[in-house]
Amino acid sequence: MKCKVQLIGRLGAEPEITTLPNGAQVANLSVATEEYWKDKQGQAQRRTTWHRVKFWSEGTIGYISRNVAKGQLVEVEGTFRYEEYNDREGVKNKVPVINGTNIMPLSFNEGQGGNEQTAGGGSSNEHDEIPF
């Protein structure tokens, strides 16, 4: 079985594309999602959650470098896993990471074209033929 994740949120920073020692590339994104609700006193509340997203596909990384920027609203699909690392004191930690498989901008920043093609296939207007 696999855990599929779908997020809609805003990029908190420019995508960071890194080349690893073996020549492979990875695109690291920081995506913020928000929840809204009213507390028992009727006061509006908001919680922001930050998500680490990594893309490994060469084609998707190229798409991200051309079409995705800080502040953009994006839809991300992927799978969920934990990544281990040792902190400065040598303590082993686990952090949740989403391995991205598809990304689609839901807003465009100034200077970006309106290319609605998604990375990973399909287009954002694939439902235009629905007759209602």
Protein backbone atom coordinates (compact mmCIF):
# COMPACT_ATOMS: atom_id res chain seq x y z
CA MET A 1 0.00 0.00 0.00
CA LYS A 2 1.04 3.57 -0.52
CA CYS A 3 0.16 6.84 1.18
CA LYS A 4 -0.84 9.45 -1.42
CA VAL A 5 -0.72 13.12 -0.47
CA GLN A 6 -2.40 16.11 -2.12
CA LEU A 7 -1.62 19.64 -0.90
CA ILE A 8 -2.83 23.03 -1.98
CA GLY A 9 -0.67 25.78 -0.54
CA ARG A 10 1.76 28.60 -1.17
CA LEU A 11 5.49 28.37 -1.72
CA GLY A 12 7.35 30.00 1.16
CA ALA A 13 10.62 30.35 -0.75
CA GLU A 14 12.05 30.04 -4.24
CA PRO A 15 12.48 26.37 -5.24
CA GLU A 16 15.96 25.14 -4.36
CA ILE A 17 17.44 22.89 -7.04
CA THR A 18 20.49 20.95 -5.92
CA THR A 19 22.84 18.68 -7.85
CA LEU A 20 23.96 15.68 -5.79
CA PRO A 21 27.47 14.17 -5.94
CA ASN A 22 26.16 11.38 -8.23
CA GLY A 23 24.90 14.00 -10.74
CA ALA A 24 21.21 13.57 -9.92
CA GLN A 25 19.16 16.67 -9.17
CA VAL A 26 16.51 17.30 -6.55
CA ALA A 27 14.10 20.24 -6.26
CA ASN A 28 13.28 21.19 -2.67
CA LEU A 29 10.12 23.17 -2.02
CA SER A 30 8.61 24.57 1.16
CA VAL A 31 4.80 24.63 0.91
CA ALA A 32 2.51 26.26 3.50
CA THR A 33 -1.06 25.05 3.99
CA GLU A 34 -3.59 26.81 6.21
CA GLU A 35 -6.60 25.76 8.26
CA TYR A 36 -9.30 28.16 9.39
CA TRP A 37 -11.91 27.67 12.14
CA LYS A 38 -13.76 29.45 14.91
CA ASP A 39 -12.94 28.69 18.53
CA LYS A 40 -15.52 28.23 21.32
CA GLN A 41 -15.71 32.02 21.76
CA GLY A 42 -16.45 32.49 18.05
CA GLN A 43 -13.04 34.01 17.31
CA ALA A 44 -11.52 33.23 13.92
CA GLN A 45 -8.41 31.07 14.18
CA ARG A 46 -5.76 30.15 11.64
CA ARG A 47 -3.01 27.51 11.69
CA THR A 48 -0.21 27.35 9.12
CA THR A 49 1.60 24.06 8.54
CA TRP A 50 4.85 23.90 6.57
CA HIS A 51 5.61 20.90 4.37
CA ARG A 52 8.92 19.78 2.85
CA VAL A 53 8.44 18.59 -0.71
CA LYS A 54 11.14 16.98 -2.88
CA PHE A 55 10.93 16.33 -6.61
CA TRP A 56 13.36 13.89 -8.24
CA SER A 57 12.08 13.67 -11.85
CA GLU A 58 14.34 15.53 -14.29
CA GLY A 59 11.38 16.75 -16.38
CA THR A 60 9.47 17.98 -13.34
CA ILE A 61 12.55 19.77 -11.98
CA GLY A 62 12.90 21.61 -15.31
CA TYR A 63 9.21 22.54 -15.18
CA ILE A 64 9.59 23.83 -11.61
CA SER A 65 12.63 25.95 -12.52
CA ARG A 66 10.66 27.64 -15.33
CA ASN A 67 7.15 27.93 -13.84
CA VAL A 68 7.18 27.97 -10.04
CA ALA A 69 8.17 30.85 -7.72
CA LYS A 70 7.92 32.01 -4.12
CA GLY A 71 4.41 33.06 -3.07
CA GLN A 72 2.63 31.05 -5.76
CA LEU A 73 -0.40 28.93 -4.96
CA VAL A 74 0.33 25.38 -6.11
CA GLU A 75 -1.23 21.96 -5.99
CA VAL A 76 1.25 19.20 -5.15
CA GLU A 77 0.72 15.44 -5.34
CA GLY A 78 3.11 12.86 -4.00
CA THR A 79 3.82 10.18 -1.43
CA PHE A 80 4.62 10.60 2.25
CA ARG A 81 7.71 9.32 4.04
CA TYR A 82 10.11 10.16 6.86
CA GLU A 83 13.71 11.25 6.31
CA GLU A 84 16.32 10.72 9.01
CA TYR A 85 19.16 13.08 9.86
CA ASN A 86 21.56 13.70 12.74
CA ASP A 87 21.42 17.14 14.38
CA ARG A 88 24.44 19.11 15.61
CA GLU A 89 24.53 17.13 18.85
CA GLY A 90 24.48 13.84 16.93
CA VAL A 91 20.88 13.03 17.90
CA LYS A 92 18.97 11.13 15.21
CA ASN A 93 15.76 12.85 14.11
CA LYS A 94 12.98 12.07 11.65
CA VAL A 95 11.16 14.69 9.59
CA PRO A 96 8.15 14.17 7.33
CA VAL A 97 8.87 14.68 3.63
CA ILE A 98 6.63 14.49 0.60
CA ASN A 99 8.18 12.96 -2.51
CA GLY A 100 6.43 15.01 -5.16
CA THR A 101 5.15 13.35 -8.31
CA ASN A 102 3.11 16.21 -9.80
CA ILE A 103 2.91 19.98 -9.36
CA MET A 104 0.52 22.49 -10.87
CA PRO A 105 0.57 26.26 -10.34
CA LEU A 106 -2.86 27.57 -9.36
CA SER A 107 -1.73 31.21 -9.60
CA PHE A 108 0.90 32.95 -11.69
CA ASN A 109 3.34 35.64 -10.62
CA GLU A 110 4.03 38.71 -12.76
CA GLY A 111 6.20 37.91 -15.73
CA GLN A 112 5.20 34.25 -15.83
CA GLY A 113 3.31 32.96 -18.79
CA GLY A 114 -0.09 31.38 -18.49
CA ASN A 115 1.24 27.93 -19.40
CA GLU A 116 -1.33 25.67 -17.76
CA GLN A 117 0.45 22.43 -18.53
CA THR A 118 1.18 20.46 -15.37
CA ALA A 119 4.43 18.78 -14.55
CA GLY A 120 3.85 15.07 -14.66
CA GLY A 121 1.27 15.23 -17.46
CA GLY A 122 -2.26 16.46 -18.07
CA SER A 123 -3.40 20.04 -18.14
CA SER A 124 -5.26 22.18 -15.65
CA ASN A 125 -8.18 22.58 -18.06
CA GLU A 126 -8.75 18.86 -18.60
CA HIS A 127 -12.36 19.23 -17.34
CA ASP A 128 -13.36 21.82 -19.98
CA GLU A 129 -15.28 19.18 -21.94
CA ILE A 130 -17.74 18.45 -19.12
CA PRO A 131 -21.13 19.45 -20.59
CA PHE A 132 -22.54 21.23 -17.52
